[in-house]
Amino acid sequence: MKFELKNIKYCEWKSEETHCYQATLYIDGKPLFLVGNDGYGGPDSIDTFGNKRWKDAQPMFDKMMKYIKGMPKIKTDWGEMNNDLDIICHDLLVKHLEKRDMKRNMKTKVLFTKDGSIYTLAFGDRPRQLVLDHIVKRYPKSTILNTLPESEAFELWIGNR
């Protein structure tokens, strides 16, 4: 099963203990459920998508939960724990937020690696190419995220944070 979150609405100011959000949960490319969290530390809520009633969505929900139950355990600093829908949705949401932040930074800054960390250099009123040339000249071993395909840049972005 492939899980995706789309139509994500995120409210940072209301996120206290958990992320406050609402999204459509797609499973294998089909919008099936609405998921969300109020941001106060409780579990995610789940509801049917569109005009479906629970009795119509129940077979797919049961299939999804059985699939999740069969997923490998997650290794944490505190030991292993079972995967669940909250963890899956949280991971997808965090990935979405990280990608959004990377894209926002790329609009006004050059992002590059140096010594295993991510650095930024703002364009300011300078032409973008001038900043890129400066980084290549000053740090020849660096990788400039702005020049990579989005998926590669994102892997470096999350891997070096």
C-alpha atoms as a PDB file:
ATOM      1  CA  MET A   1       0.000   0.000   0.000  1.00  0.00           C
ATOM      2  CA  LYS A   2       1.182   3.482  -0.810  1.00  0.00           C
ATOM      3  CA  PHE A   3       0.146   6.228   1.625  1.00  0.00           C
ATOM      4  CA  GLU A   4       0.097   9.899   0.614  1.00  0.00           C
ATOM      5  CA  LEU A   5      -1.203  13.072   2.232  1.00  0.00           C
ATOM      6  CA  LYS A   6      -2.647  15.738  -0.049  1.00  0.00           C
ATOM      7  CA  ASN A   7      -4.663  18.923   0.452  1.00  0.00           C
ATOM      8  CA  ILE A   8      -2.641  19.541   3.617  1.00  0.00           C
ATOM      9  CA  LYS A   9      -3.719  22.402   5.845  1.00  0.00           C
ATOM     10  CA  TYR A  10      -1.215  23.033   8.624  1.00  0.00           C
ATOM     11  CA  CYS A  11      -1.609  25.483  11.504  1.00  0.00           C
ATOM     12  CA  GLU A  12       1.724  26.167  13.196  1.00  0.00           C
ATOM     13  CA  TRP A  13       0.416  28.586  15.820  1.00  0.00           C
ATOM     14  CA  LYS A  14      -2.109  26.017  17.072  1.00  0.00           C
ATOM     15  CA  SER A  15       0.401  23.149  17.209  1.00  0.00           C
ATOM     16  CA  GLU A  16       1.283  22.602  20.858  1.00  0.00           C
ATOM     17  CA  GLU A  17       1.996  18.963  21.709  1.00  0.00           C
ATOM     18  CA  THR A  18       1.420  17.611  18.194  1.00  0.00           C
ATOM     19  CA  HIS A  19       1.101  19.096  14.714  1.00  0.00           C
ATOM     20  CA  CYS A  20      -2.271  20.717  14.082  1.00  0.00           C
ATOM     21  CA  TYR A  21      -3.309  19.734  10.579  1.00  0.00           C
ATOM     22  CA  GLN A  22      -5.972  18.347   8.287  1.00  0.00           C
ATOM     23  CA  ALA A  23      -5.308  16.379   5.104  1.00  0.00           C
ATOM     24  CA  THR A  24      -6.742  13.892   2.665  1.00  0.00           C
ATOM     25  CA  LEU A  25      -5.215  10.435   3.027  1.00  0.00           C
ATOM     26  CA  TYR A  26      -4.680   8.760  -0.322  1.00  0.00           C
ATOM     27  CA  ILE A  27      -4.114   5.032  -0.440  1.00  0.00           C
ATOM     28  CA  ASP A  28      -2.764   3.626  -3.688  1.00  0.00           C
ATOM     29  CA  GLY A  29      -3.653   6.873  -5.455  1.00  0.00           C
ATOM     30  CA  LYS A  30      -7.262   7.074  -4.240  1.00  0.00           C
ATOM     31  CA  PRO A  31      -8.594   9.645  -1.738  1.00  0.00           C
ATOM     32  CA  LEU A  32     -10.178   7.550   0.989  1.00  0.00           C
ATOM     33  CA  PHE A  33     -10.021   9.307   4.352  1.00  0.00           C
ATOM     34  CA  LEU A  34      -9.697  12.707   6.000  1.00  0.00           C
ATOM     35  CA  VAL A  35      -7.091  12.738   8.750  1.00  0.00           C
ATOM     36  CA  GLY A  36      -6.095  15.451  11.155  1.00  0.00           C
ATOM     37  CA  ASN A  37      -5.032  16.461  14.613  1.00  0.00           C
ATOM     38  CA  ASP A  38      -6.090  19.366  16.818  1.00  0.00           C
ATOM     39  CA  GLY A  39      -2.515  19.953  17.982  1.00  0.00           C
ATOM     40  CA  TYR A  40      -3.108  19.384  21.690  1.00  0.00           C
ATOM     41  CA  GLY A  41      -1.308  16.057  22.056  1.00  0.00           C
ATOM     42  CA  GLY A  42      -4.084  13.610  21.292  1.00  0.00           C
ATOM     43  CA  PRO A  43      -4.196  11.000  18.553  1.00  0.00           C
ATOM     44  CA  ASP A  44      -5.074  11.785  14.951  1.00  0.00           C
ATOM     45  CA  SER A  45      -8.698  11.717  13.920  1.00  0.00           C
ATOM     46  CA  ILE A  46      -9.887   9.876  10.837  1.00  0.00           C
ATOM     47  CA  ASP A  47     -13.087  10.278   8.896  1.00  0.00           C
ATOM     48  CA  THR A  48     -14.399   9.138   5.559  1.00  0.00           C
ATOM     49  CA  PHE A  49     -13.672  11.187   2.460  1.00  0.00           C
ATOM     50  CA  GLY A  50     -16.432  12.731   0.385  1.00  0.00           C
ATOM     51  CA  ASN A  51     -19.947  11.432   0.864  1.00  0.00           C
ATOM     52  CA  LYS A  52     -18.947   7.933   1.964  1.00  0.00           C
ATOM     53  CA  ARG A  53     -20.472   6.489   5.085  1.00  0.00           C
ATOM     54  CA  TRP A  54     -18.368   4.471   7.506  1.00  0.00           C
ATOM     55  CA  LYS A  55     -20.101   1.245   6.590  1.00  0.00           C
ATOM     56  CA  ASP A  56     -18.971   1.787   2.971  1.00  0.00           C
ATOM     57  CA  ALA A  57     -15.413   2.705   3.996  1.00  0.00           C
ATOM     58  CA  GLN A  58     -15.042   0.030   6.674  1.00  0.00           C
ATOM     59  CA  PRO A  59     -13.662  -2.728   4.375  1.00  0.00           C
ATOM     60  CA  MET A  60     -10.863  -0.455   3.112  1.00  0.00           C
ATOM     61  CA  PHE A  61     -10.179   0.809   6.645  1.00  0.00           C
ATOM     62  CA  ASP A  62      -9.872  -2.780   7.916  1.00  0.00           C
ATOM     63  CA  LYS A  63      -7.572  -3.693   5.012  1.00  0.00           C
ATOM     64  CA  MET A  64      -5.406  -0.633   5.730  1.00  0.00           C
ATOM     65  CA  MET A  65      -5.166  -1.417   9.445  1.00  0.00           C
ATOM     66  CA  LYS A  66      -4.256  -5.044   8.736  1.00  0.00           C
ATOM     67  CA  TYR A  67      -1.536  -3.857   6.355  1.00  0.00           C
ATOM     68  CA  ILE A  68      -0.173  -1.402   8.946  1.00  0.00           C
ATOM     69  CA  LYS A  69      -0.177  -4.104  11.612  1.00  0.00           C
ATOM     70  CA  GLY A  70       2.006  -6.258   9.351  1.00  0.00           C
ATOM     71  CA  MET A  71       4.555  -3.480   8.767  1.00  0.00           C
ATOM     72  CA  PRO A  72       7.966  -3.810  10.407  1.00  0.00           C
ATOM     73  CA  LYS A  73       8.422  -2.382  13.862  1.00  0.00           C
ATOM     74  CA  ILE A  74      10.019   1.044  14.198  1.00  0.00           C
ATOM     75  CA  LYS A  75      13.346   1.310  15.971  1.00  0.00           C
ATOM     76  CA  THR A  76      13.556   4.260  18.363  1.00  0.00           C
ATOM     77  CA  ASP A  77      15.901   5.393  21.117  1.00  0.00           C
ATOM     78  CA  TRP A  78      13.499   3.711  23.568  1.00  0.00           C
ATOM     79  CA  GLY A  79      13.329   0.382  21.755  1.00  0.00           C
ATOM     80  CA  GLU A  80      11.013  -1.003  19.112  1.00  0.00           C
ATOM     81  CA  MET A  81       7.390  -0.012  18.654  1.00  0.00           C
ATOM     82  CA  ASN A  82       4.581  -1.015  16.340  1.00  0.00           C
ATOM     83  CA  ASN A  83       3.769   1.175  13.376  1.00  0.00           C
ATOM     84  CA  ASP A  84       0.357   2.854  13.352  1.00  0.00           C
ATOM     85  CA  LEU A  85      -1.625   5.309  11.253  1.00  0.00           C
ATOM     86  CA  ASP A  86      -0.651   8.276  13.454  1.00  0.00           C
ATOM     87  CA  ILE A  87       3.047   7.592  12.895  1.00  0.00           C
ATOM     88  CA  ILE A  88       2.585   7.168   9.146  1.00  0.00           C
ATOM     89  CA  CYS A  89       0.605  10.415   8.847  1.00  0.00           C
ATOM     90  CA  HIS A  90       3.056  12.268  11.106  1.00  0.00           C
ATOM     91  CA  ASP A  91       6.022  11.153   8.991  1.00  0.00           C
ATOM     92  CA  LEU A  92       4.262  12.197   5.770  1.00  0.00           C
ATOM     93  CA  LEU A  93       3.331  15.572   7.273  1.00  0.00           C
ATOM     94  CA  VAL A  94       6.866  16.253   8.520  1.00  0.00           C
ATOM     95  CA  LYS A  95       8.263  15.342   5.099  1.00  0.00           C
ATOM     96  CA  HIS A  96       5.808  17.765   3.480  1.00  0.00           C
ATOM     97  CA  LEU A  97       6.775  20.567   5.904  1.00  0.00           C
ATOM     98  CA  GLU A  98      10.507  19.944   5.421  1.00  0.00           C
ATOM     99  CA  LYS A  99      10.128  20.026   1.628  1.00  0.00           C
ATOM    100  CA  ARG A 100       8.109  23.249   1.883  1.00  0.00           C
ATOM    101  CA  ASP A 101      10.852  24.837   4.006  1.00  0.00           C
ATOM    102  CA  MET A 102      13.554  23.756   1.581  1.00  0.00           C
ATOM    103  CA  LYS A 103      11.665  25.235  -1.388  1.00  0.00           C
ATOM    104  CA  ARG A 104      11.064  28.515   0.480  1.00  0.00           C
ATOM    105  CA  ASN A 105      14.750  28.794   1.301  1.00  0.00           C
ATOM    106  CA  MET A 106      15.746  28.079  -2.304  1.00  0.00           C
ATOM    107  CA  LYS A 107      13.727  31.067  -3.541  1.00  0.00           C
ATOM    108  CA  THR A 108      15.952  33.594  -1.798  1.00  0.00           C
ATOM    109  CA  LYS A 109      19.114  31.684  -0.878  1.00  0.00           C
ATOM    110  CA  VAL A 110      21.667  29.273  -2.236  1.00  0.00           C
ATOM    111  CA  LEU A 111      21.734  26.076  -0.181  1.00  0.00           C
ATOM    112  CA  PHE A 112      24.978  24.132  -0.160  1.00  0.00           C
ATOM    113  CA  THR A 113      26.792  21.436   1.772  1.00  0.00           C
ATOM    114  CA  LYS A 114      30.097  22.012   3.512  1.00  0.00           C
ATOM    115  CA  ASP A 115      31.728  19.556   5.895  1.00  0.00           C
ATOM    116  CA  GLY A 116      28.534  17.500   6.181  1.00  0.00           C
ATOM    117  CA  SER A 117      26.258  20.420   7.066  1.00  0.00           C
ATOM    118  CA  ILE A 118      23.837  22.588   5.121  1.00  0.00           C
ATOM    119  CA  TYR A 119      24.676  26.274   4.750  1.00  0.00           C
ATOM    120  CA  THR A 120      22.740  29.090   3.131  1.00  0.00           C
ATOM    121  CA  LEU A 121      23.842  32.260   1.425  1.00  0.00           C
ATOM    122  CA  ALA A 122      21.188  34.843   0.603  1.00  0.00           C
ATOM    123  CA  PHE A 123      21.080  36.380  -2.855  1.00  0.00           C
ATOM    124  CA  GLY A 124      20.249  39.792  -1.488  1.00  0.00           C
ATOM    125  CA  ASP A 125      20.346  42.212  -4.409  1.00  0.00           C
ATOM    126  CA  ARG A 126      23.068  40.190  -6.155  1.00  0.00           C
ATOM    127  CA  PRO A 127      22.311  38.068  -9.193  1.00  0.00           C
ATOM    128  CA  ARG A 128      21.778  34.395  -8.303  1.00  0.00           C
ATOM    129  CA  GLN A 129      24.503  33.215 -10.696  1.00  0.00           C
ATOM    130  CA  LEU A 130      27.058  35.479  -8.997  1.00  0.00           C
ATOM    131  CA  VAL A 131      26.321  33.815  -5.641  1.00  0.00           C
ATOM    132  CA  LEU A 132      26.517  30.324  -7.199  1.00  0.00           C
ATOM    133  CA  ASP A 133      29.870  31.136  -8.813  1.00  0.00           C
ATOM    134  CA  HIS A 134      31.204  32.463  -5.516  1.00  0.00           C
ATOM    135  CA  ILE A 135      30.276  29.245  -3.672  1.00  0.00           C
ATOM    136  CA  VAL A 136      31.799  27.010  -6.353  1.00  0.00           C
ATOM    137  CA  LYS A 137      35.027  29.042  -6.252  1.00  0.00           C
ATOM    138  CA  ARG A 138      35.224  29.288  -2.458  1.00  0.00           C
ATOM    139  CA  TYR A 139      34.021  25.755  -1.624  1.00  0.00           C
ATOM    140  CA  PRO A 140      34.857  23.509  -4.587  1.00  0.00           C
ATOM    141  CA  LYS A 141      33.951  20.309  -2.705  1.00  0.00           C
ATOM    142  CA  SER A 142      30.493  21.584  -1.775  1.00  0.00           C
ATOM    143  CA  THR A 143      27.243  20.425  -3.352  1.00  0.00           C
ATOM    144  CA  ILE A 144      24.763  23.138  -4.286  1.00  0.00           C
ATOM    145  CA  LEU A 145      21.243  21.920  -3.600  1.00  0.00           C
ATOM    146  CA  ASN A 146      19.643  24.539  -5.867  1.00  0.00           C
ATOM    147  CA  THR A 147      21.241  22.911  -8.909  1.00  0.00           C
ATOM    148  CA  LEU A 148      20.108  19.353  -8.100  1.00  0.00           C
ATOM    149  CA  PRO A 149      16.821  17.635  -8.957  1.00  0.00           C
ATOM    150  CA  GLU A 150      14.323  18.243  -6.152  1.00  0.00           C
ATOM    151  CA  SER A 151      14.390  14.655  -4.855  1.00  0.00           C
ATOM    152  CA  GLU A 152      18.208  14.629  -4.561  1.00  0.00           C
ATOM    153  CA  ALA A 153      18.281  18.072  -2.954  1.00  0.00           C
ATOM    154  CA  PHE A 154      15.624  16.981  -0.468  1.00  0.00           C
ATOM    155  CA  GLU A 155      17.591  13.880   0.539  1.00  0.00           C
ATOM    156  CA  LEU A 156      20.600  16.087   1.304  1.00  0.00           C
ATOM    157  CA  TRP A 157      18.381  18.655   3.052  1.00  0.00           C
ATOM    158  CA  ILE A 158      16.863  16.170   5.499  1.00  0.00           C
ATOM    159  CA  GLY A 159      20.023  14.105   5.826  1.00  0.00           C
ATOM    160  CA  ASN A 160      22.137  17.037   6.974  1.00  0.00           C
ATOM    161  CA  ARG A 161      19.760  18.740   9.390  1.00  0.00           C
END
